[in-house]
PDB file of N, CA and C in Angstrom:
ATOM      1  N   MET A   1     -15.361  21.263   3.362  1.00  0.00           N
ATOM      2  CA  MET A   1     -13.971  20.855   3.398  1.00  0.00           C
ATOM      3  C   MET A   1     -13.507  20.172   2.101  1.00  0.00           C
ATOM      4  N   PRO A   2     -14.380  19.694   1.204  1.00  0.00           N
ATOM      5  CA  PRO A   2     -13.924  19.006   0.002  1.00  0.00           C
ATOM      6  C   PRO A   2     -13.021  19.846  -0.902  1.00  0.00           C
ATOM      7  N   HIS A   3     -13.150  21.188  -0.881  1.00  0.00           N
ATOM      8  CA  HIS A   3     -12.340  22.029  -1.757  1.00  0.00           C
ATOM      9  C   HIS A   3     -11.156  22.637  -1.014  1.00  0.00           C
ATOM     10  N   ASP A   4     -10.927  22.241   0.204  1.00  0.00           N
ATOM     11  CA  ASP A   4      -9.816  22.731   1.000  1.00  0.00           C
ATOM     12  C   ASP A   4      -8.509  22.241   0.382  1.00  0.00           C
ATOM     13  N   PRO A   5      -7.499  23.105   0.272  1.00  0.00           N
ATOM     14  CA  PRO A   5      -6.206  22.684  -0.291  1.00  0.00           C
ATOM     15  C   PRO A   5      -5.569  21.524   0.482  1.00  0.00           C
ATOM     16  N   ALA A   6      -5.789  21.464   1.792  1.00  0.00           N
ATOM     17  CA  ALA A   6      -5.222  20.367   2.584  1.00  0.00           C
ATOM     18  C   ALA A   6      -5.848  19.032   2.184  1.00  0.00           C
ATOM     19  N   VAL A   7      -7.146  19.023   1.916  1.00  0.00           N
ATOM     20  CA  VAL A   7      -7.829  17.798   1.477  1.00  0.00           C
ATOM     21  C   VAL A   7      -7.261  17.364   0.136  1.00  0.00           C
ATOM     22  N   THR A   8      -7.123  18.308  -0.771  1.00  0.00           N
ATOM     23  CA  THR A   8      -6.588  18.000  -2.095  1.00  0.00           C
ATOM     24  C   THR A   8      -5.174  17.452  -1.989  1.00  0.00           C
ATOM     25  N   ARG A   9      -4.353  18.061  -1.162  1.00  0.00           N
ATOM     26  CA  ARG A   9      -2.959  17.633  -0.997  1.00  0.00           C
ATOM     27  C   ARG A   9      -2.879  16.225  -0.431  1.00  0.00           C
ATOM     28  N   ILE A  10      -3.611  15.958   0.645  1.00  0.00           N
ATOM     29  CA  ILE A  10      -3.543  14.644   1.291  1.00  0.00           C
ATOM     30  C   ILE A  10      -4.131  13.576   0.380  1.00  0.00           C
ATOM     31  N   ARG A  11      -5.255  13.863  -0.246  1.00  0.00           N
ATOM     32  CA  ARG A  11      -5.867  12.899  -1.160  1.00  0.00           C
ATOM     33  C   ARG A  11      -4.904  12.566  -2.316  1.00  0.00           C
ATOM     34  N   SER A  12      -4.255  13.592  -2.860  1.00  0.00           N
ATOM     35  CA  SER A  12      -3.352  13.359  -3.990  1.00  0.00           C
ATOM     36  C   SER A  12      -2.154  12.500  -3.596  1.00  0.00           C
ATOM     37  N   GLU A  13      -1.661  12.653  -2.370  1.00  0.00           N
ATOM     38  CA  GLU A  13      -0.546  11.808  -1.914  1.00  0.00           C
ATOM     39  C   GLU A  13      -0.967  10.331  -1.909  1.00  0.00           C
ATOM     40  N   TYR A  14      -2.169  10.055  -1.422  1.00  0.00           N
ATOM     41  CA  TYR A  14      -2.652   8.672  -1.394  1.00  0.00           C
ATOM     42  C   TYR A  14      -2.926   8.145  -2.797  1.00  0.00           C
ATOM     43  N   LEU A  15      -3.348   9.006  -3.711  1.00  0.00           N
ATOM     44  CA  LEU A  15      -3.603   8.574  -5.081  1.00  0.00           C
ATOM     45  C   LEU A  15      -2.296   8.297  -5.832  1.00  0.00           C
ATOM     46  N   GLU A  16      -1.273   9.084  -5.542  1.00  0.00           N
ATOM     47  CA  GLU A  16       0.010   8.934  -6.233  1.00  0.00           C
ATOM     48  C   GLU A  16       0.825   7.752  -5.732  1.00  0.00           C
ATOM     49  N   MET A  17       0.584   7.319  -4.503  1.00  0.00           N
ATOM     50  CA  MET A  17       1.396   6.241  -3.920  1.00  0.00           C
ATOM     51  C   MET A  17       0.513   5.111  -3.415  1.00  0.00           C
ATOM     52  N   PRO A  18       0.131   4.181  -4.286  1.00  0.00           N
ATOM     53  CA  PRO A  18      -0.676   3.049  -3.826  1.00  0.00           C
ATOM     54  C   PRO A  18       0.033   2.304  -2.692  1.00  0.00           C
ATOM     55  N   GLY A  19      -0.736   1.886  -1.725  1.00  0.00           N
ATOM     56  CA  GLY A  19      -0.160   1.175  -0.584  1.00  0.00           C
ATOM     57  C   GLY A  19       0.353   2.083   0.521  1.00  0.00           C
ATOM     58  N   LEU A  20       0.213   3.388   0.351  1.00  0.00           N
ATOM     59  CA  LEU A  20       0.685   4.346   1.352  1.00  0.00           C
ATOM     60  C   LEU A  20      -0.101   4.183   2.642  1.00  0.00           C
ATOM     61  N   ARG A  21       0.617   4.098   3.749  1.00  0.00           N
ATOM     62  CA  ARG A  21       0.007   4.010   5.072  1.00  0.00           C
ATOM     63  C   ARG A  21       0.746   4.984   5.966  1.00  0.00           C
ATOM     64  N   LEU A  22       0.023   5.967   6.485  1.00  0.00           N
ATOM     65  CA  LEU A  22       0.643   7.023   7.281  1.00  0.00           C
ATOM     66  C   LEU A  22      -0.102   7.243   8.588  1.00  0.00           C
ATOM     67  N   THR A  23       0.663   7.519   9.641  1.00  0.00           N
ATOM     68  CA  THR A  23       0.058   7.979  10.887  1.00  0.00           C
ATOM     69  C   THR A  23      -0.253   9.467  10.701  1.00  0.00           C
ATOM     70  N   VAL A  24      -0.966  10.039  11.653  1.00  0.00           N
ATOM     71  CA  VAL A  24      -1.270  11.472  11.585  1.00  0.00           C
ATOM     72  C   VAL A  24       0.031  12.269  11.521  1.00  0.00           C
ATOM     73  N   GLU A  25       1.000  11.914  12.350  1.00  0.00           N
ATOM     74  CA  GLU A  25       2.260  12.648  12.394  1.00  0.00           C
ATOM     75  C   GLU A  25       3.005  12.547  11.069  1.00  0.00           C
ATOM     76  N   GLN A  26       3.015  11.367  10.463  1.00  0.00           N
ATOM     77  CA  GLN A  26       3.699  11.199   9.181  1.00  0.00           C
ATOM     78  C   GLN A  26       3.002  11.993   8.075  1.00  0.00           C
ATOM     79  N   ALA A  27       1.673  11.955   8.046  1.00  0.00           N
ATOM     80  CA  ALA A  27       0.919  12.703   7.044  1.00  0.00           C
ATOM     81  C   ALA A  27       1.140  14.204   7.233  1.00  0.00           C
ATOM     82  N   GLN A  28       1.199  14.631   8.478  1.00  0.00           N
ATOM     83  CA  GLN A  28       1.431  16.040   8.788  1.00  0.00           C
ATOM     84  C   GLN A  28       2.778  16.488   8.223  1.00  0.00           C
ATOM     85  N   ARG A  29       3.822  15.690   8.452  1.00  0.00           N
ATOM     86  CA  ARG A  29       5.154  16.056   7.954  1.00  0.00           C
ATOM     87  C   ARG A  29       5.217  15.995   6.433  1.00  0.00           C
ATOM     88  N   LEU A  30       4.647  14.953   5.843  1.00  0.00           N
ATOM     89  CA  LEU A  30       4.689  14.789   4.391  1.00  0.00           C
ATOM     90  C   LEU A  30       3.976  15.927   3.669  1.00  0.00           C
ATOM     91  N   CYS A  31       2.826  16.298   4.176  1.00  0.00           N
ATOM     92  CA  CYS A  31       1.983  17.285   3.484  1.00  0.00           C
ATOM     93  C   CYS A  31       2.168  18.709   3.976  1.00  0.00           C
ATOM     94  N   GLY A  32       2.914  18.897   5.057  1.00  0.00           N
ATOM     95  CA  GLY A  32       3.134  20.238   5.572  1.00  0.00           C
ATOM     96  C   GLY A  32       1.867  20.888   6.098  1.00  0.00           C
ATOM     97  N   VAL A  33       1.050  20.097   6.802  1.00  0.00           N
ATOM     98  CA  VAL A  33      -0.234  20.571   7.318  1.00  0.00           C
ATOM     99  C   VAL A  33      -0.190  20.526   8.838  1.00  0.00           C
ATOM    100  N   GLU A  34      -0.763  21.529   9.485  1.00  0.00           N
ATOM    101  CA  GLU A  34      -0.823  21.582  10.954  1.00  0.00           C
ATOM    102  C   GLU A  34      -1.550  20.339  11.475  1.00  0.00           C
ATOM    103  N   ARG A  35      -1.115  19.821  12.639  1.00  0.00           N
ATOM    104  CA  ARG A  35      -1.589  18.531  13.142  1.00  0.00           C
ATOM    105  C   ARG A  35      -3.110  18.448  13.286  1.00  0.00           C
ATOM    106  N   THR A  36      -3.731  19.445  13.896  1.00  0.00           N
ATOM    107  CA  THR A  36      -5.179  19.402  14.121  1.00  0.00           C
ATOM    108  C   THR A  36      -5.934  19.371  12.795  1.00  0.00           C
ATOM    109  N   LEU A  37      -5.499  20.204  11.854  1.00  0.00           N
ATOM    110  CA  LEU A  37      -6.122  20.222  10.537  1.00  0.00           C
ATOM    111  C   LEU A  37      -5.886  18.884   9.820  1.00  0.00           C
ATOM    112  N   CYS A  38      -4.683  18.362   9.916  1.00  0.00           N
ATOM    113  CA  CYS A  38      -4.350  17.089   9.275  1.00  0.00           C
ATOM    114  C   CYS A  38      -5.242  15.966   9.799  1.00  0.00           C
ATOM    115  N   LYS A  39      -5.408  15.897  11.111  1.00  0.00           N
ATOM    116  CA  LYS A  39      -6.255  14.866  11.723  1.00  0.00           C
ATOM    117  C   LYS A  39      -7.695  15.000  11.255  1.00  0.00           C
ATOM    118  N   SER A  40      -8.210  16.232  11.196  1.00  0.00           N
ATOM    119  CA  SER A  40      -9.600  16.413  10.770  1.00  0.00           C
ATOM    120  C   SER A  40      -9.768  16.065   9.289  1.00  0.00           C
ATOM    121  N   VAL A  41      -8.768  16.357   8.460  1.00  0.00           N
ATOM    122  CA  VAL A  41      -8.837  15.988   7.039  1.00  0.00           C
ATOM    123  C   VAL A  41      -8.799  14.471   6.892  1.00  0.00           C
ATOM    124  N   LEU A  42      -7.892  13.815   7.592  1.00  0.00           N
ATOM    125  CA  LEU A  42      -7.813  12.355   7.516  1.00  0.00           C
ATOM    126  C   LEU A  42      -9.130  11.720   7.959  1.00  0.00           C
ATOM    127  N   ASP A  43      -9.693  12.218   9.047  1.00  0.00           N
ATOM    128  CA  ASP A  43     -10.968  11.680   9.531  1.00  0.00           C
ATOM    129  C   ASP A  43     -12.106  11.939   8.546  1.00  0.00           C
ATOM    130  N   ALA A  44     -12.087  13.111   7.889  1.00  0.00           N
ATOM    131  CA  ALA A  44     -13.105  13.403   6.876  1.00  0.00           C
ATOM    132  C   ALA A  44     -12.970  12.450   5.690  1.00  0.00           C
ATOM    133  N   LEU A  45     -11.739  12.123   5.324  1.00  0.00           N
ATOM    134  CA  LEU A  45     -11.515  11.182   4.217  1.00  0.00           C
ATOM    135  C   LEU A  45     -11.921   9.760   4.610  1.00  0.00           C
ATOM    136  N   VAL A  46     -11.842   9.452   5.901  1.00  0.00           N
ATOM    137  CA  VAL A  46     -12.354   8.161   6.387  1.00  0.00           C
ATOM    138  C   VAL A  46     -13.878   8.149   6.276  1.00  0.00           C
ATOM    139  N   GLU A  47     -14.521   9.241   6.680  1.00  0.00           N
ATOM    140  CA  GLU A  47     -15.987   9.333   6.581  1.00  0.00           C
ATOM    141  C   GLU A  47     -16.458   9.207   5.132  1.00  0.00           C
ATOM    142  N   GLU A  48     -15.671   9.734   4.193  1.00  0.00           N
ATOM    143  CA  GLU A  48     -15.998   9.622   2.763  1.00  0.00           C
ATOM    144  C   GLU A  48     -15.728   8.220   2.220  1.00  0.00           C
ATOM    145  N   LYS A  49     -15.104   7.392   3.056  1.00  0.00           N
ATOM    146  CA  LYS A  49     -14.703   6.033   2.685  1.00  0.00           C
ATOM    147  C   LYS A  49     -13.583   6.030   1.641  1.00  0.00           C
ATOM    148  N   PHE A  50     -12.837   7.132   1.565  1.00  0.00           N
ATOM    149  CA  PHE A  50     -11.647   7.177   0.719  1.00  0.00           C
ATOM    150  C   PHE A  50     -10.483   6.537   1.463  1.00  0.00           C
ATOM    151  N   LEU A  51     -10.403   6.799   2.771  1.00  0.00           N
ATOM    152  CA  LEU A  51      -9.375   6.206   3.628  1.00  0.00           C
ATOM    153  C   LEU A  51     -10.028   5.305   4.666  1.00  0.00           C
ATOM    154  N   CYS A  52      -9.203   4.458   5.261  1.00  0.00           N
ATOM    155  CA  CYS A  52      -9.628   3.675   6.422  1.00  0.00           C
ATOM    156  C   CYS A  52      -8.494   3.729   7.433  1.00  0.00           C
ATOM    157  N   VAL A  53      -8.785   3.390   8.666  1.00  0.00           N
ATOM    158  CA  VAL A  53      -7.773   3.388   9.720  1.00  0.00           C
ATOM    159  C   VAL A  53      -7.420   1.935  10.018  1.00  0.00           C
ATOM    160  N   LYS A  54      -6.143   1.631   9.924  1.00  0.00           N
ATOM    161  CA  LYS A  54      -5.654   0.280  10.198  1.00  0.00           C
ATOM    162  C   LYS A  54      -5.536   0.060  11.710  1.00  0.00           C
ATOM    163  N   VAL A  55      -5.333  -1.170  12.094  1.00  0.00           N
ATOM    164  CA  VAL A  55      -5.239  -1.540  13.510  1.00  0.00           C
ATOM    165  C   VAL A  55      -4.141  -0.760  14.221  1.00  0.00           C
ATOM    166  N   ASN A  56      -3.038  -0.483  13.518  1.00  0.00           N
ATOM    167  CA  ASN A  56      -1.922   0.232  14.149  1.00  0.00           C
ATOM    168  C   ASN A  56      -2.114   1.747  14.151  1.00  0.00           C
ATOM    169  N   GLY A  57      -3.291   2.229  13.684  1.00  0.00           N
ATOM    170  CA  GLY A  57      -3.582   3.657  13.684  1.00  0.00           C
ATOM    171  C   GLY A  57      -3.181   4.381  12.416  1.00  0.00           C
ATOM    172  N   ALA A  58      -2.595   3.667  11.461  1.00  0.00           N
ATOM    173  CA  ALA A  58      -2.197   4.287  10.200  1.00  0.00           C
ATOM    174  C   ALA A  58      -3.408   4.437   9.284  1.00  0.00           C
ATOM    175  N   TYR A  59      -3.396   5.493   8.502  1.00  0.00           N
ATOM    176  CA  TYR A  59      -4.461   5.745   7.530  1.00  0.00           C
ATOM    177  C   TYR A  59      -4.005   5.199   6.178  1.00  0.00           C
ATOM    178  N   ALA A  60      -4.906   4.487   5.502  1.00  0.00           N
ATOM    179  CA  ALA A  60      -4.598   3.885   4.208  1.00  0.00           C
ATOM    180  C   ALA A  60      -5.801   4.028   3.301  1.00  0.00           C
ATOM    181  N   ARG A  61      -5.577   3.922   1.993  1.00  0.00           N
ATOM    182  CA  ARG A  61      -6.692   3.953   1.045  1.00  0.00           C
ATOM    183  C   ARG A  61      -7.629   2.805   1.356  1.00  0.00           C
ATOM    184  N   ALA A  62      -8.906   3.067   1.358  1.00  0.00           N
ATOM    185  CA  ALA A  62      -9.898   2.029   1.646  1.00  0.00           C
ATOM    186  C   ALA A  62      -9.905   0.965   0.563  1.00  0.00           C
ATOM    187  N   THR A  63      -9.540   1.329  -0.663  1.00  0.00           N
ATOM    188  CA  THR A  63      -9.551   0.358  -1.759  1.00  0.00           C
ATOM    189  C   THR A  63      -8.261  -0.434  -1.855  1.00  0.00           C
ATOM    190  N   ASP A  64      -7.246  -0.065  -1.080  1.00  0.00           N
ATOM    191  CA  ASP A  64      -5.989  -0.822  -1.101  1.00  0.00           C
ATOM    192  C   ASP A  64      -6.165  -2.113  -0.330  1.00  0.00           C
ATOM    193  N   GLY A  65      -5.982  -3.181  -1.001  1.00  0.00           N
ATOM    194  CA  GLY A  65      -6.014  -4.477  -0.343  1.00  0.00           C
ATOM    195  C   GLY A  65      -4.661  -5.104  -0.509  1.00  0.00           C
ATOM    196  N   GLU A  66      -4.636  -6.393  -0.562  1.00  0.00           N
ATOM    197  CA  GLU A  66      -3.402  -7.076  -0.858  1.00  0.00           C
ATOM    198  C   GLU A  66      -3.038  -6.773  -2.304  1.00  0.00           C
ATOM    199  N   ILE A  67      -1.788  -6.498  -2.538  1.00  0.00           N
ATOM    200  CA  ILE A  67      -1.344  -6.243  -3.892  1.00  0.00           C
ATOM    201  C   ILE A  67      -1.233  -7.597  -4.595  1.00  0.00           C
ATOM    202  N   PRO A  68      -2.022  -7.792  -5.658  1.00  0.00           N
ATOM    203  CA  PRO A  68      -1.989  -9.088  -6.315  1.00  0.00           C
ATOM    204  C   PRO A  68      -0.651  -9.328  -7.005  1.00  0.00           C
ATOM    205  N   HIS A  69      -0.217 -10.560  -6.997  1.00  0.00           N
ATOM    206  CA  HIS A  69       1.004 -10.937  -7.682  1.00  0.00           C
ATOM    207  C   HIS A  69       0.702 -10.912  -9.175  1.00  0.00           C
ATOM    208  N   PRO A  70       1.516 -10.242  -9.991  1.00  0.00           N
ATOM    209  CA  PRO A  70       1.172 -10.082 -11.395  1.00  0.00           C
ATOM    210  C   PRO A  70       1.179 -11.371 -12.209  1.00  0.00           C
ATOM    211  N   PHE A  71       1.934 -12.361 -11.766  1.00  0.00           N
ATOM    212  CA  PHE A  71       2.007 -13.617 -12.497  1.00  0.00           C
ATOM    213  C   PHE A  71       1.749 -14.766 -11.532  1.00  0.00           C
ATOM    214  N   PRO A  72       1.134 -15.835 -11.998  1.00  0.00           N
ATOM    215  CA  PRO A  72       0.966 -16.974 -11.104  1.00  0.00           C
ATOM    216  C   PRO A  72       2.334 -17.555 -10.763  1.00  0.00           C
ATOM    217  N   LYS A  73       2.440 -18.116  -9.589  1.00  0.00           N
ATOM    218  CA  LYS A  73       3.700 -18.719  -9.186  1.00  0.00           C
ATOM    219  C   LYS A  73       4.006 -19.899 -10.094  1.00  0.00           C
ATOM    220  N   ALA A  74       5.266 -20.031 -10.442  1.00  0.00           N
ATOM    221  CA  ALA A  74       5.681 -21.104 -11.341  1.00  0.00           C
ATOM    222  C   ALA A  74       5.709 -22.436 -10.608  1.00  0.00           C
ATOM    223  N   ASP A  75       5.370 -23.454 -11.318  1.00  0.00           N
ATOM    224  CA  ASP A  75       5.479 -24.811 -10.788  1.00  0.00           C
ATOM    225  C   ASP A  75       6.887 -25.285 -11.094  1.00  0.00           C
ATOM    226  N   LEU A  76       7.703 -25.470 -10.073  1.00  0.00           N
ATOM    227  CA  LEU A  76       9.113 -25.791 -10.271  1.00  0.00           C
ATOM    228  C   LEU A  76       9.397 -27.295 -10.237  1.00  0.00           C
ATOM    229  N   ARG A  77       8.353 -28.106 -10.301  1.00  0.00           N
ATOM    230  CA  ARG A  77       8.598 -29.547 -10.324  1.00  0.00           C
ATOM    231  C   ARG A  77       8.961 -29.990 -11.738  1.00  0.00           C
ATOM    232  N   PRO A  78       9.838 -30.951 -11.839  1.00  0.00           N
ATOM    233  CA  PRO A  78      10.164 -31.470 -13.173  1.00  0.00           C
ATOM    234  C   PRO A  78       8.928 -32.091 -13.807  1.00  0.00           C
ATOM    235  N   ARG A  79       8.913 -32.134 -15.128  1.00  0.00           N
ATOM    236  CA  ARG A  79       7.757 -32.677 -15.832  1.00  0.00           C
ATOM    237  C   ARG A  79       7.540 -34.156 -15.562  1.00  0.00           C
ATOM    238  N   ASP A  80       8.597 -34.875 -15.171  1.00  0.00           N
ATOM    239  CA  ASP A  80       8.430 -36.302 -14.909  1.00  0.00           C
ATOM    240  C   ASP A  80       7.801 -36.571 -13.542  1.00  0.00           C
ATOM    241  N   GLY A  81       7.449 -35.505 -12.821  1.00  0.00           N
ATOM    242  CA  GLY A  81       6.772 -35.670 -11.528  1.00  0.00           C
ATOM    243  C   GLY A  81       7.718 -35.929 -10.376  1.00  0.00           C
ATOM    244  N   GLY A  82       9.024 -35.806 -10.614  1.00  0.00           N
ATOM    245  CA  GLY A  82      10.006 -36.051  -9.562  1.00  0.00           C
ATOM    246  C   GLY A  82      10.012 -34.943  -8.533  1.00  0.00           C
ATOM    247  N   ALA A  83      11.055 -34.928  -7.728  1.00  0.00           N
ATOM    248  CA  ALA A  83      11.193 -33.938  -6.662  1.00  0.00           C
ATOM    249  C   ALA A  83      11.382 -32.541  -7.253  1.00  0.00           C
ATOM    250  N   PRO A  84      11.004 -31.501  -6.517  1.00  0.00           N
ATOM    251  CA  PRO A  84      11.200 -30.130  -6.998  1.00  0.00           C
ATOM    252  C   PRO A  84      12.679 -29.844  -7.233  1.00  0.00           C
ATOM    253  N   PHE A  85      12.945 -28.875  -8.112  1.00  0.00           N
ATOM    254  CA  PHE A  85      14.318 -28.477  -8.372  1.00  0.00           C
ATOM    255  C   PHE A  85      14.929 -27.885  -7.112  1.00  0.00           C
ATOM    256  N   THR A  86      16.223 -28.042  -6.976  1.00  0.00           N
ATOM    257  CA  THR A  86      16.957 -27.428  -5.868  1.00  0.00           C
ATOM    258  C   THR A  86      17.805 -26.300  -6.439  1.00  0.00           C
ATOM    259  N   ARG A  87      18.454 -25.542  -5.573  1.00  0.00           N
ATOM    260  CA  ARG A  87      19.352 -24.478  -6.045  1.00  0.00           C
ATOM    261  C   ARG A  87      20.476 -25.056  -6.893  1.00  0.00           C
ATOM    262  N   ALA A  88      20.951 -26.217  -6.515  1.00  0.00           N
ATOM    263  CA  ALA A  88      22.018 -26.857  -7.280  1.00  0.00           C
ATOM    264  C   ALA A  88      21.536 -27.186  -8.692  1.00  0.00           C
ATOM    265  N   ASP A  89      20.291 -27.638  -8.828  1.00  0.00           N
ATOM    266  CA  ASP A  89      19.740 -27.926 -10.152  1.00  0.00           C
ATOM    267  C   ASP A  89      19.715 -26.649 -11.012  1.00  0.00           C
ATOM    268  N   PHE A  90      19.336 -25.516 -10.402  1.00  0.00           N
ATOM    269  CA  PHE A  90      19.298 -24.272 -11.144  1.00  0.00           C
ATOM    270  C   PHE A  90      20.700 -23.831 -11.548  1.00  0.00           C
ATOM    271  N   ALA A  91      21.686 -24.039 -10.650  1.00  0.00           N
ATOM    272  CA  ALA A  91      23.066 -23.658 -10.972  1.00  0.00           C
ATOM    273  C   ALA A  91      23.577 -24.476 -12.149  1.00  0.00           C
ATOM    274  N   ILE A  92      23.254 -25.758 -12.184  1.00  0.00           N
ATOM    275  CA  ILE A  92      23.677 -26.621 -13.285  1.00  0.00           C
ATOM    276  C   ILE A  92      22.976 -26.187 -14.567  1.00  0.00           C
ATOM    277  N   ALA A  93      21.705 -25.847 -14.494  1.00  0.00           N
ATOM    278  CA  ALA A  93      20.941 -25.459 -15.678  1.00  0.00           C
ATOM    279  C   ALA A  93      21.423 -24.140 -16.268  1.00  0.00           C
ATOM    280  N   LYS A  94      21.992 -23.275 -15.445  1.00  0.00           N
ATOM    281  CA  LYS A  94      22.477 -21.969 -15.938  1.00  0.00           C
ATOM    282  C   LYS A  94      23.745 -22.110 -16.780  1.00  0.00           C
ATOM    283  N   ARG A  95      24.475 -23.192 -16.632  1.00  0.00           N
ATOM    284  CA  ARG A  95      25.758 -23.344 -17.331  1.00  0.00           C
ATOM    285  C   ARG A  95      25.582 -23.519 -18.796  1.00  0.00           C
TER     286      ARG A  95
END
C-alpha cells in the first residue's frame, strides 16, 4: 500500500497543512477517496506512526503537537515595578 496513489494523496495533504485534523468522512471528501479505502489508508498511516487518532476520532500527524509561540510573551509591567499597563495606558502611549 505505500505506493498506492490514495496513500500519497492523503499523506501529502497532511504534509502540506500542519495541524490538519480530519475525520474519515472529511478526509474522504477532501481527497476524493472511497470511504473504505480512505479508512484503511488512514489506519495504515497510523500503523506507520505518521498519523495518530485523537480522542474525538480525528486523524492528525503524529508529530503535530502544540504549535509553539514564535516569540516569548512580553512582560507588560512598567520598569519601575508598578502595576501592569491597562488598555488606557496603551491608548495614551499611542498618541
